[in-house]
Amino acid sequence: DNAKNTVYLQMDSLKPEDTAVYYCNMPTIAETVWGQGTQVTVSS
């Protein structure tokens, strides 16, 4: 949603192997910007 300056990731049917830290990334001309990450843990 560019009006909100926001990107989303809808994750359905999650599996234990999806467990990870998820990072947002924006490659600009000057630099590649990374977020700090958010932990996703999927229990079996």
PDB file of all heavy atoms in Angstrom:
ATOM      1  N   ASP A   1       0.875  -1.161   0.000  1.00  0.00           N
ATOM      2  CA  ASP A   1       0.000   0.000   0.000  1.00  0.00           C
ATOM      3  C   ASP A   1       0.919   1.220   0.000  1.00  0.00           C
ATOM      4  O   ASP A   1       1.419   1.640   1.059  1.00  0.00           O
ATOM      5  CB  ASP A   1      -0.903  -0.003   1.238  1.00  0.00           C
ATOM      6  CG  ASP A   1      -1.924   1.115   1.223  1.00  0.00           C
ATOM      7  OD1 ASP A   1      -1.689   2.121   0.520  1.00  0.00           O
ATOM      8  OD2 ASP A   1      -2.929   0.996   1.916  1.00  0.00           O
ATOM      9  N   ASN A   2       1.169   1.754  -1.170  1.00  0.00           N
ATOM     10  CA  ASN A   2       2.123   2.867  -1.276  1.00  0.00           C
ATOM     11  C   ASN A   2       1.633   4.105  -0.526  1.00  0.00           C
ATOM     12  O   ASN A   2       2.455   4.892  -0.042  1.00  0.00           O
ATOM     13  CB  ASN A   2       2.386   3.183  -2.741  1.00  0.00           C
ATOM     14  CG  ASN A   2       3.261   2.139  -3.415  1.00  0.00           C
ATOM     15  OD1 ASN A   2       3.958   1.366  -2.742  1.00  0.00           O
ATOM     16  ND2 ASN A   2       3.211   2.093  -4.740  1.00  0.00           N
ATOM     17  N   ALA A   3       0.340   4.274  -0.436  1.00  0.00           N
ATOM     18  CA  ALA A   3      -0.189   5.431   0.300  1.00  0.00           C
ATOM     19  C   ALA A   3       0.154   5.349   1.787  1.00  0.00           C
ATOM     20  O   ALA A   3       0.291   6.377   2.455  1.00  0.00           O
ATOM     21  CB  ALA A   3      -1.693   5.519   0.114  1.00  0.00           C
ATOM     22  N   LYS A   4       0.317   4.118   2.287  1.00  0.00           N
ATOM     23  CA  LYS A   4       0.685   3.921   3.685  1.00  0.00           C
ATOM     24  C   LYS A   4       2.164   3.614   3.851  1.00  0.00           C
ATOM     25  O   LYS A   4       2.608   3.334   4.970  1.00  0.00           O
ATOM     26  CB  LYS A   4      -0.144   2.783   4.289  1.00  0.00           C
ATOM     27  CG  LYS A   4      -1.626   3.085   4.369  1.00  0.00           C
ATOM     28  CD  LYS A   4      -2.381   1.945   5.029  1.00  0.00           C
ATOM     29  CE  LYS A   4      -3.870   2.272   5.153  1.00  0.00           C
ATOM     30  NZ  LYS A   4      -4.637   1.171   5.796  1.00  0.00           N
ATOM     31  N   ASN A   5       2.894   3.630   2.735  1.00  0.00           N
ATOM     32  CA  ASN A   5       4.341   3.339   2.795  1.00  0.00           C
ATOM     33  C   ASN A   5       4.610   1.992   3.453  1.00  0.00           C
ATOM     34  O   ASN A   5       5.579   1.828   4.210  1.00  0.00           O
ATOM     35  CB  ASN A   5       5.079   4.444   3.544  1.00  0.00           C
ATOM     36  CG  ASN A   5       6.234   5.022   2.761  1.00  0.00           C
ATOM     37  OD1 ASN A   5       6.251   4.986   1.527  1.00  0.00           O
ATOM     38  ND2 ASN A   5       7.217   5.564   3.454  1.00  0.00           N
ATOM     39  N   THR A   6       3.775   1.011   3.115  1.00  0.00           N
ATOM     40  CA  THR A   6       3.798  -0.273   3.810  1.00  0.00           C
ATOM     41  C   THR A   6       3.747  -1.432   2.826  1.00  0.00           C
ATOM     42  O   THR A   6       3.033  -1.359   1.816  1.00  0.00           O
ATOM     43  CB  THR A   6       2.611  -0.369   4.793  1.00  0.00           C
ATOM     44  OG1 THR A   6       2.676   0.714   5.716  1.00  0.00           O
ATOM     45  CG2 THR A   6       2.636  -1.685   5.554  1.00  0.00           C
ATOM     46  N   VAL A   7       4.489  -2.474   3.165  1.00  0.00           N
ATOM     47  CA  VAL A   7       4.458  -3.727   2.427  1.00  0.00           C
ATOM     48  C   VAL A   7       3.999  -4.827   3.380  1.00  0.00           C
ATOM     49  O   VAL A   7       4.352  -4.807   4.566  1.00  0.00           O
ATOM     50  CB  VAL A   7       5.843  -4.079   1.857  1.00  0.00           C
ATOM     51  CG1 VAL A   7       5.821  -5.397   1.120  1.00  0.00           C
ATOM     52  CG2 VAL A   7       6.323  -2.983   0.949  1.00  0.00           C
ATOM     53  N   TYR A   8       3.252  -5.783   2.840  1.00  0.00           N
ATOM     54  CA  TYR A   8       2.695  -6.852   3.668  1.00  0.00           C
ATOM     55  C   TYR A   8       3.150  -8.216   3.151  1.00  0.00           C
ATOM     56  O   TYR A   8       3.470  -8.374   1.983  1.00  0.00           O
ATOM     57  CB  TYR A   8       1.167  -6.804   3.635  1.00  0.00           C
ATOM     58  CG  TYR A   8       0.587  -5.488   4.052  1.00  0.00           C
ATOM     59  CD1 TYR A   8       0.200  -4.547   3.110  1.00  0.00           C
ATOM     60  CD2 TYR A   8       0.431  -5.170   5.400  1.00  0.00           C
ATOM     61  CE1 TYR A   8      -0.337  -3.328   3.483  1.00  0.00           C
ATOM     62  CE2 TYR A   8      -0.103  -3.946   5.788  1.00  0.00           C
ATOM     63  CZ  TYR A   8      -0.482  -3.031   4.821  1.00  0.00           C
ATOM     64  OH  TYR A   8      -1.004  -1.817   5.210  1.00  0.00           O
ATOM     65  N   LEU A   9       3.143  -9.178   4.049  1.00  0.00           N
ATOM     66  CA  LEU A   9       3.330 -10.575   3.665  1.00  0.00           C
ATOM     67  C   LEU A   9       2.273 -11.389   4.399  1.00  0.00           C
ATOM     68  O   LEU A   9       2.378 -11.584   5.621  1.00  0.00           O
ATOM     69  CB  LEU A   9       4.733 -11.075   3.995  1.00  0.00           C
ATOM     70  CG  LEU A   9       5.054 -12.476   3.487  1.00  0.00           C
ATOM     71  CD1 LEU A   9       5.102 -12.493   1.950  1.00  0.00           C
ATOM     72  CD2 LEU A   9       6.374 -12.996   4.047  1.00  0.00           C
ATOM     73  N   GLN A  10       1.266 -11.833   3.661  1.00  0.00           N
ATOM     74  CA  GLN A  10       0.241 -12.702   4.219  1.00  0.00           C
ATOM     75  C   GLN A  10       0.735 -14.137   4.113  1.00  0.00           C
ATOM     76  O   GLN A  10       1.046 -14.597   3.021  1.00  0.00           O
ATOM     77  CB  GLN A  10      -1.074 -12.534   3.459  1.00  0.00           C
ATOM     78  CG  GLN A  10      -2.176 -13.468   3.919  1.00  0.00           C
ATOM     79  CD  GLN A  10      -2.653 -13.166   5.328  1.00  0.00           C
ATOM     80  OE1 GLN A  10      -2.803 -12.006   5.694  1.00  0.00           O
ATOM     81  NE2 GLN A  10      -2.906 -14.197   6.115  1.00  0.00           N
ATOM     82  N   MET A  11       0.804 -14.819   5.234  1.00  0.00           N
ATOM     83  CA  MET A  11       1.340 -16.173   5.276  1.00  0.00           C
ATOM     84  C   MET A  11       0.250 -17.108   5.768  1.00  0.00           C
ATOM     85  O   MET A  11      -0.206 -17.000   6.922  1.00  0.00           O
ATOM     86  CB  MET A  11       2.560 -16.238   6.194  1.00  0.00           C
ATOM     87  CG  MET A  11       3.651 -15.238   5.834  1.00  0.00           C
ATOM     88  SD  MET A  11       5.145 -15.439   6.799  1.00  0.00           S
ATOM     89  CE  MET A  11       4.532 -15.059   8.439  1.00  0.00           C
ATOM     90  N   ASP A  12      -0.172 -18.012   4.893  1.00  0.00           N
ATOM     91  CA  ASP A  12      -1.215 -18.983   5.221  1.00  0.00           C
ATOM     92  C   ASP A  12      -0.639 -20.399   5.166  1.00  0.00           C
ATOM     93  O   ASP A  12       0.426 -20.615   4.594  1.00  0.00           O
ATOM     94  CB  ASP A  12      -2.384 -18.855   4.245  1.00  0.00           C
ATOM     95  CG  ASP A  12      -3.051 -17.495   4.289  1.00  0.00           C
ATOM     96  OD1 ASP A  12      -3.272 -16.983   5.406  1.00  0.00           O
ATOM     97  OD2 ASP A  12      -3.336 -16.943   3.210  1.00  0.00           O
ATOM     98  N   SER A  13      -1.367 -21.321   5.745  1.00  0.00           N
ATOM     99  CA  SER A  13      -0.942 -22.730   5.756  1.00  0.00           C
ATOM    100  C   SER A  13       0.502 -22.868   6.204  1.00  0.00           C
ATOM    101  O   SER A  13       1.304 -23.571   5.578  1.00  0.00           O
ATOM    102  CB  SER A  13      -1.120 -23.357   4.361  1.00  0.00           C
ATOM    103  OG  SER A  13      -2.445 -23.255   3.923  1.00  0.00           O
ATOM    104  N   LEU A  14       0.825 -22.212   7.269  1.00  0.00           N
ATOM    105  CA  LEU A  14       2.203 -22.192   7.754  1.00  0.00           C
ATOM    106  C   LEU A  14       2.675 -23.574   8.179  1.00  0.00           C
ATOM    107  O   LEU A  14       1.892 -24.377   8.702  1.00  0.00           O
ATOM    108  CB  LEU A  14       2.341 -21.201   8.904  1.00  0.00           C
ATOM    109  CG  LEU A  14       2.401 -19.733   8.465  1.00  0.00           C
ATOM    110  CD1 LEU A  14       2.084 -18.798   9.626  1.00  0.00           C
ATOM    111  CD2 LEU A  14       3.767 -19.411   7.892  1.00  0.00           C
ATOM    112  N   LYS A  15       3.957 -23.814   7.955  1.00  0.00           N
ATOM    113  CA  LYS A  15       4.593 -25.087   8.284  1.00  0.00           C
ATOM    114  C   LYS A  15       5.749 -24.826   9.260  1.00  0.00           C
ATOM    115  O   LYS A  15       6.310 -23.722   9.270  1.00  0.00           O
ATOM    116  CB  LYS A  15       5.143 -25.729   7.022  1.00  0.00           C
ATOM    117  CG  LYS A  15       4.126 -25.931   5.907  1.00  0.00           C
ATOM    118  CD  LYS A  15       4.798 -26.475   4.659  1.00  0.00           C
ATOM    119  CE  LYS A  15       3.806 -26.648   3.522  1.00  0.00           C
ATOM    120  NZ  LYS A  15       4.454 -27.172   2.286  1.00  0.00           N
ATOM    121  N   PRO A  16       6.145 -25.828  10.007  1.00  0.00           N
ATOM    122  CA  PRO A  16       7.284 -25.646  10.915  1.00  0.00           C
ATOM    123  C   PRO A  16       8.545 -25.162  10.192  1.00  0.00           C
ATOM    124  O   PRO A  16       9.321 -24.380  10.755  1.00  0.00           O
ATOM    125  CB  PRO A  16       7.473 -27.039  11.510  1.00  0.00           C
ATOM    126  CG  PRO A  16       6.107 -27.632  11.498  1.00  0.00           C
ATOM    127  CD  PRO A  16       5.477 -27.122  10.230  1.00  0.00           C
ATOM    128  N   GLU A  17       8.716 -25.578   8.941  1.00  0.00           N
ATOM    129  CA  GLU A  17       9.906 -25.144   8.201  1.00  0.00           C
ATOM    130  C   GLU A  17       9.846 -23.672   7.780  1.00  0.00           C
ATOM    131  O   GLU A  17      10.812 -23.144   7.228  1.00  0.00           O
ATOM    132  CB  GLU A  17      10.130 -26.036   6.972  1.00  0.00           C
ATOM    133  CG  GLU A  17       8.915 -26.222   6.082  1.00  0.00           C
ATOM    134  CD  GLU A  17       8.144 -27.497   6.395  1.00  0.00           C
ATOM    135  OE1 GLU A  17       7.943 -27.819   7.599  1.00  0.00           O
ATOM    136  OE2 GLU A  17       7.741 -28.176   5.426  1.00  0.00           O
ATOM    137  N   ASP A  18       8.737 -23.004   8.024  1.00  0.00           N
ATOM    138  CA  ASP A  18       8.657 -21.560   7.794  1.00  0.00           C
ATOM    139  C   ASP A  18       9.223 -20.761   8.970  1.00  0.00           C
ATOM    140  O   ASP A  18       9.328 -19.532   8.884  1.00  0.00           O
ATOM    141  CB  ASP A  18       7.208 -21.134   7.558  1.00  0.00           C
ATOM    142  CG  ASP A  18       6.616 -21.702   6.284  1.00  0.00           C
ATOM    143  OD1 ASP A  18       7.328 -21.721   5.255  1.00  0.00           O
ATOM    144  OD2 ASP A  18       5.442 -22.128   6.308  1.00  0.00           O
ATOM    145  N   THR A  19       9.573 -21.442  10.041  1.00  0.00           N
ATOM    146  CA  THR A  19      10.141 -20.770  11.206  1.00  0.00           C
ATOM    147  C   THR A  19      11.437 -20.066  10.831  1.00  0.00           C
ATOM    148  O   THR A  19      12.360 -20.689  10.299  1.00  0.00           O
ATOM    149  CB  THR A  19      10.402 -21.780  12.335  1.00  0.00           C
ATOM    150  OG1 THR A  19       9.148 -22.301  12.795  1.00  0.00           O
ATOM    151  CG2 THR A  19      11.130 -21.115  13.502  1.00  0.00           C
ATOM    152  N   ALA A  20      11.492 -18.770  11.101  1.00  0.00           N
ATOM    153  CA  ALA A  20      12.656 -17.960  10.721  1.00  0.00           C
ATOM    154  C   ALA A  20      12.436 -16.527  11.203  1.00  0.00           C
ATOM    155  O   ALA A  20      11.340 -16.174  11.651  1.00  0.00           O
ATOM    156  CB  ALA A  20      12.838 -17.966   9.210  1.00  0.00           C
ATOM    157  N   VAL A  21      13.481 -15.743  11.083  1.00  0.00           N
ATOM    158  CA  VAL A  21      13.339 -14.293  11.216  1.00  0.00           C
ATOM    159  C   VAL A  21      13.064 -13.747   9.820  1.00  0.00           C
ATOM    160  O   VAL A  21      13.796 -14.059   8.873  1.00  0.00           O
ATOM    161  CB  VAL A  21      14.597 -13.643  11.815  1.00  0.00           C
ATOM    162  CG1 VAL A  21      14.414 -12.131  11.894  1.00  0.00           C
ATOM    163  CG2 VAL A  21      14.884 -14.213  13.198  1.00  0.00           C
ATOM    164  N   TYR A  22      12.022 -12.942   9.709  1.00  0.00           N
ATOM    165  CA  TYR A  22      11.618 -12.400   8.422  1.00  0.00           C
ATOM    166  C   TYR A  22      12.023 -10.921   8.341  1.00  0.00           C
ATOM    167  O   TYR A  22      11.764 -10.141   9.270  1.00  0.00           O
ATOM    168  CB  TYR A  22      10.112 -12.552   8.236  1.00  0.00           C
ATOM    169  CG  TYR A  22       9.702 -13.964   7.900  1.00  0.00           C
ATOM    170  CD1 TYR A  22       9.763 -14.977   8.850  1.00  0.00           C
ATOM    171  CD2 TYR A  22       9.286 -14.298   6.614  1.00  0.00           C
ATOM    172  CE1 TYR A  22       9.433 -16.285   8.544  1.00  0.00           C
ATOM    173  CE2 TYR A  22       8.941 -15.603   6.288  1.00  0.00           C
ATOM    174  CZ  TYR A  22       9.024 -16.584   7.251  1.00  0.00           C
ATOM    175  OH  TYR A  22       8.679 -17.886   6.915  1.00  0.00           O
ATOM    176  N   TYR A  23      12.655 -10.593   7.216  1.00  0.00           N
ATOM    177  CA  TYR A  23      13.187  -9.250   7.015  1.00  0.00           C
ATOM    178  C   TYR A  23      12.564  -8.594   5.782  1.00  0.00           C
ATOM    179  O   TYR A  23      12.412  -9.225   4.733  1.00  0.00           O
ATOM    180  CB  TYR A  23      14.690  -9.296   6.795  1.00  0.00           C
ATOM    181  CG  TYR A  23      15.487  -9.846   7.937  1.00  0.00           C
ATOM    182  CD1 TYR A  23      15.776 -11.201   8.021  1.00  0.00           C
ATOM    183  CD2 TYR A  23      15.977  -9.006   8.937  1.00  0.00           C
ATOM    184  CE1 TYR A  23      16.531 -11.720   9.070  1.00  0.00           C
ATOM    185  CE2 TYR A  23      16.736  -9.511   9.985  1.00  0.00           C
ATOM    186  CZ  TYR A  23      16.997 -10.863  10.036  1.00  0.00           C
ATOM    187  OH  TYR A  23      17.747 -11.365  11.077  1.00  0.00           O
ATOM    188  N   CYS A  24      12.300  -7.323   5.925  1.00  0.00           N
ATOM    189  CA  CYS A  24      11.869  -6.505   4.802  1.00  0.00           C
ATOM    190  C   CYS A  24      13.115  -5.896   4.161  1.00  0.00           C
ATOM    191  O   CYS A  24      14.099  -5.577   4.861  1.00  0.00           O
ATOM    192  CB  CYS A  24      10.947  -5.407   5.337  1.00  0.00           C
ATOM    193  SG  CYS A  24      10.190  -4.392   4.097  1.00  0.00           S
ATOM    194  N   ASN A  25      13.081  -5.721   2.851  1.00  0.00           N
ATOM    195  CA  ASN A  25      14.249  -5.252   2.112  1.00  0.00           C
ATOM    196  C   ASN A  25      13.819  -4.298   1.005  1.00  0.00           C
ATOM    197  O   ASN A  25      12.833  -4.560   0.307  1.00  0.00           O
ATOM    198  CB  ASN A  25      14.971  -6.474   1.520  1.00  0.00           C
ATOM    199  CG  ASN A  25      16.026  -6.122   0.519  1.00  0.00           C
ATOM    200  OD1 ASN A  25      15.715  -5.833  -0.634  1.00  0.00           O
ATOM    201  ND2 ASN A  25      17.275  -6.159   0.945  1.00  0.00           N
ATOM    202  N   MET A  26      14.569  -3.200   0.865  1.00  0.00           N
ATOM    203  CA  MET A  26      14.281  -2.219  -0.172  1.00  0.00           C
ATOM    204  C   MET A  26      15.589  -1.827  -0.862  1.00  0.00           C
ATOM    205  O   MET A  26      16.413  -1.123  -0.265  1.00  0.00           O
ATOM    206  CB  MET A  26      13.617  -0.981   0.442  1.00  0.00           C
ATOM    207  CG  MET A  26      13.257   0.085  -0.562  1.00  0.00           C
ATOM    208  SD  MET A  26      12.247   1.409   0.167  1.00  0.00           S
ATOM    209  CE  MET A  26      13.410   2.162   1.299  1.00  0.00           C
ATOM    210  N   PRO A  27      15.793  -2.300  -2.092  1.00  0.00           N
ATOM    211  CA  PRO A  27      17.018  -1.951  -2.815  1.00  0.00           C
ATOM    212  C   PRO A  27      16.858  -0.622  -3.531  1.00  0.00           C
ATOM    213  O   PRO A  27      16.147  -0.520  -4.524  1.00  0.00           O
ATOM    214  CB  PRO A  27      17.156  -3.111  -3.812  1.00  0.00           C
ATOM    215  CG  PRO A  27      15.742  -3.572  -4.050  1.00  0.00           C
ATOM    216  CD  PRO A  27      14.961  -3.251  -2.824  1.00  0.00           C
ATOM    217  N   THR A  28      17.500   0.442  -3.026  1.00  0.00           N
ATOM    218  CA  THR A  28      17.469   1.737  -3.690  1.00  0.00           C
ATOM    219  C   THR A  28      18.764   1.945  -4.469  1.00  0.00           C
ATOM    220  O   THR A  28      19.678   1.125  -4.399  1.00  0.00           O
ATOM    221  CB  THR A  28      17.297   2.873  -2.666  1.00  0.00           C
ATOM    222  OG1 THR A  28      18.526   3.025  -1.932  1.00  0.00           O
ATOM    223  CG2 THR A  28      16.172   2.568  -1.690  1.00  0.00           C
ATOM    224  N   ILE A  29      18.854   3.040  -5.160  1.00  0.00           N
ATOM    225  CA  ILE A  29      20.073   3.344  -5.903  1.00  0.00           C
ATOM    226  C   ILE A  29      21.248   3.570  -4.944  1.00  0.00           C
ATOM    227  O   ILE A  29      22.374   3.131  -5.176  1.00  0.00           O
ATOM    228  CB  ILE A  29      19.873   4.568  -6.802  1.00  0.00           C
ATOM    229  CG1 ILE A  29      18.868   4.244  -7.913  1.00  0.00           C
ATOM    230  CG2 ILE A  29      21.198   5.036  -7.393  1.00  0.00           C
ATOM    231  CD1 ILE A  29      18.513   5.417  -8.785  1.00  0.00           C
ATOM    232  N   ALA A  30      20.981   4.271  -3.841  1.00  0.00           N
ATOM    233  CA  ALA A  30      22.047   4.629  -2.909  1.00  0.00           C
ATOM    234  C   ALA A  30      22.461   3.475  -2.011  1.00  0.00           C
ATOM    235  O   ALA A  30      23.636   3.348  -1.662  1.00  0.00           O
ATOM    236  CB  ALA A  30      21.617   5.808  -2.058  1.00  0.00           C
ATOM    237  N   GLU A  31      21.520   2.650  -1.611  1.00  0.00           N
ATOM    238  CA  GLU A  31      21.819   1.590  -0.652  1.00  0.00           C
ATOM    239  C   GLU A  31      20.695   0.565  -0.662  1.00  0.00           C
ATOM    240  O   GLU A  31      19.620   0.810  -1.200  1.00  0.00           O
ATOM    241  CB  GLU A  31      21.934   2.183   0.754  1.00  0.00           C
ATOM    242  CG  GLU A  31      20.674   2.895   1.218  1.00  0.00           C
ATOM    243  CD  GLU A  31      20.762   3.442   2.630  1.00  0.00           C
ATOM    244  OE1 GLU A  31      21.554   2.894   3.433  1.00  0.00           O
ATOM    245  OE2 GLU A  31      20.037   4.392   2.928  1.00  0.00           O
ATOM    246  N   THR A  32      20.979  -0.575  -0.038  1.00  0.00           N
ATOM    247  CA  THR A  32      19.938  -1.565   0.215  1.00  0.00           C
ATOM    248  C   THR A  32      19.563  -1.464   1.680  1.00  0.00           C
ATOM    249  O   THR A  32      20.421  -1.599   2.554  1.00  0.00           O
ATOM    250  CB  THR A  32      20.427  -2.980  -0.114  1.00  0.00           C
ATOM    251  OG1 THR A  32      20.707  -3.053  -1.514  1.00  0.00           O
ATOM    252  CG2 THR A  32      19.361  -4.006   0.236  1.00  0.00           C
ATOM    253  N   VAL A  33      18.308  -1.219   1.929  1.00  0.00           N
ATOM    254  CA  VAL A  33      17.832  -0.992   3.288  1.00  0.00           C
ATOM    255  C   VAL A  33      17.199  -2.276   3.820  1.00  0.00           C
ATOM    256  O   VAL A  33      16.410  -2.923   3.123  1.00  0.00           O
ATOM    257  CB  VAL A  33      16.807   0.149   3.330  1.00  0.00           C
ATOM    258  CG1 VAL A  33      16.411   0.456   4.773  1.00  0.00           C
ATOM    259  CG2 VAL A  33      17.367   1.402   2.659  1.00  0.00           C
ATOM    260  N   TRP A  34      17.556  -2.626   5.039  1.00  0.00           N
ATOM    261  CA  TRP A  34      17.004  -3.794   5.727  1.00  0.00           C
ATOM    262  C   TRP A  34      16.286  -3.354   7.004  1.00  0.00           C
ATOM    263  O   TRP A  34      16.732  -2.437   7.687  1.00  0.00           O
ATOM    264  CB  TRP A  34      18.113  -4.767   6.118  1.00  0.00           C
ATOM    265  CG  TRP A  34      18.775  -5.453   4.975  1.00  0.00           C
ATOM    266  CD1 TRP A  34      19.885  -5.030   4.295  1.00  0.00           C
ATOM    267  CD2 TRP A  34      18.400  -6.703   4.387  1.00  0.00           C
ATOM    268  NE1 TRP A  34      20.194  -5.933   3.318  1.00  0.00           N
ATOM    269  CE2 TRP A  34      19.312  -6.963   3.352  1.00  0.00           C
ATOM    270  CE3 TRP A  34      17.364  -7.627   4.626  1.00  0.00           C
ATOM    271  CZ2 TRP A  34      19.230  -8.113   2.554  1.00  0.00           C
ATOM    272  CZ3 TRP A  34      17.292  -8.769   3.848  1.00  0.00           C
ATOM    273  CH2 TRP A  34      18.216  -8.993   2.815  1.00  0.00           C
ATOM    274  N   GLY A  35      15.227  -4.066   7.324  1.00  0.00           N
ATOM    275  CA  GLY A  35      14.611  -3.890   8.615  1.00  0.00           C
ATOM    276  C   GLY A  35      15.324  -4.725   9.665  1.00  0.00           C
ATOM    277  O   GLY A  35      16.279  -5.447   9.362  1.00  0.00           O
ATOM    278  N   GLN A  36      14.835  -4.636  10.907  1.00  0.00           N
ATOM    279  CA  GLN A  36      15.476  -5.357  12.011  1.00  0.00           C
ATOM    280  C   GLN A  36      14.995  -6.803  12.102  1.00  0.00           C
ATOM    281  O   GLN A  36      15.597  -7.616  12.801  1.00  0.00           O
ATOM    282  CB  GLN A  36      15.215  -4.638  13.334  1.00  0.00           C
ATOM    283  CG  GLN A  36      13.866  -4.938  13.993  1.00  0.00           C
ATOM    284  CD  GLN A  36      12.679  -4.341  13.277  1.00  0.00           C
ATOM    285  OE1 GLN A  36      12.838  -3.509  12.373  1.00  0.00           O
ATOM    286  NE2 GLN A  36      11.486  -4.742  13.668  1.00  0.00           N
ATOM    287  N   GLY A  37      13.922  -7.117  11.413  1.00  0.00           N
ATOM    288  CA  GLY A  37      13.411  -8.482  11.393  1.00  0.00           C
ATOM    289  C   GLY A  37      12.320  -8.732  12.414  1.00  0.00           C
ATOM    290  O   GLY A  37      12.252  -8.062  13.447  1.00  0.00           O
ATOM    291  N   THR A  38      11.482  -9.708  12.117  1.00  0.00           N
ATOM    292  CA  THR A  38      10.444 -10.138  13.050  1.00  0.00           C
ATOM    293  C   THR A  38      10.436 -11.665  13.077  1.00  0.00           C
ATOM    294  O   THR A  38      10.507 -12.309  12.027  1.00  0.00           O
ATOM    295  CB  THR A  38       9.068  -9.569  12.670  1.00  0.00           C
ATOM    296  OG1 THR A  38       8.103  -9.910  13.662  1.00  0.00           O
ATOM    297  CG2 THR A  38       8.584 -10.045  11.311  1.00  0.00           C
ATOM    298  N   GLN A  39      10.380 -12.233  14.271  1.00  0.00           N
ATOM    299  CA  GLN A  39      10.467 -13.677  14.427  1.00  0.00           C
ATOM    300  C   GLN A  39       9.122 -14.339  14.162  1.00  0.00           C
ATOM    301  O   GLN A  39       8.100 -13.926  14.706  1.00  0.00           O
ATOM    302  CB  GLN A  39      10.925 -14.028  15.849  1.00  0.00           C
ATOM    303  CG  GLN A  39      10.960 -15.511  16.162  1.00  0.00           C
ATOM    304  CD  GLN A  39      12.072 -16.233  15.426  1.00  0.00           C
ATOM    305  OE1 GLN A  39      13.215 -15.776  15.405  1.00  0.00           O
ATOM    306  NE2 GLN A  39      11.753 -17.389  14.826  1.00  0.00           N
ATOM    307  N   VAL A  40       9.151 -15.366  13.341  1.00  0.00           N
ATOM    308  CA  VAL A  40       7.985 -16.219  13.096  1.00  0.00           C
ATOM    309  C   VAL A  40       8.345 -17.632  13.530  1.00  0.00           C
ATOM    310  O   VAL A  40       9.354 -18.176  13.071  1.00  0.00           O
ATOM    311  CB  VAL A  40       7.579 -16.202  11.608  1.00  0.00           C
ATOM    312  CG1 VAL A  40       6.511 -17.248  11.325  1.00  0.00           C
ATOM    313  CG2 VAL A  40       7.103 -14.816  11.207  1.00  0.00           C
ATOM    314  N   THR A  41       7.549 -18.181  14.422  1.00  0.00           N
ATOM    315  CA  THR A  41       7.773 -19.537  14.903  1.00  0.00           C
ATOM    316  C   THR A  41       6.508 -20.351  14.682  1.00  0.00           C
ATOM    317  O   THR A  41       5.428 -19.960  15.142  1.00  0.00           O
ATOM    318  CB  THR A  41       8.146 -19.548  16.391  1.00  0.00           C
ATOM    319  OG1 THR A  41       9.313 -18.730  16.595  1.00  0.00           O
ATOM    320  CG2 THR A  41       8.447 -20.965  16.861  1.00  0.00           C
ATOM    321  N   VAL A  42       6.645 -21.465  13.976  1.00  0.00           N
ATOM    322  CA  VAL A  42       5.510 -22.331  13.669  1.00  0.00           C
ATOM    323  C   VAL A  42       5.712 -23.654  14.397  1.00  0.00           C
ATOM    324  O   VAL A  42       6.697 -24.356  14.151  1.00  0.00           O
ATOM    325  CB  VAL A  42       5.372 -22.556  12.161  1.00  0.00           C
ATOM    326  CG1 VAL A  42       4.114 -23.383  11.865  1.00  0.00           C
ATOM    327  CG2 VAL A  42       5.326 -21.235  11.414  1.00  0.00           C
ATOM    328  N   SER A  43       4.789 -23.962  15.280  1.00  0.00           N
ATOM    329  CA  SER A  43       4.897 -25.207  16.048  1.00  0.00           C
ATOM    330  C   SER A  43       4.137 -26.328  15.342  1.00  0.00           C
ATOM    331  O   SER A  43       3.120 -26.093  14.694  1.00  0.00           O
ATOM    332  CB  SER A  43       4.340 -25.004  17.452  1.00  0.00           C
ATOM    333  OG  SER A  43       2.964 -24.683  17.386  1.00  0.00           O
ATOM    334  N   SER A  44       4.642 -27.529  15.508  1.00  0.00           N
ATOM    335  CA  SER A  44       4.005 -28.693  14.850  1.00  0.00           C
ATOM    336  C   SER A  44       2.922 -29.309  15.721  1.00  0.00           C
ATOM    337  O   SER A  44       2.754 -28.945  16.867  1.00  0.00           O
ATOM    338  CB  SER A  44       5.066 -29.732  14.514  1.00  0.00           C
ATOM    339  OG  SER A  44       5.748 -30.109  15.684  1.00  0.00           O
TER     340      SER A  44
END
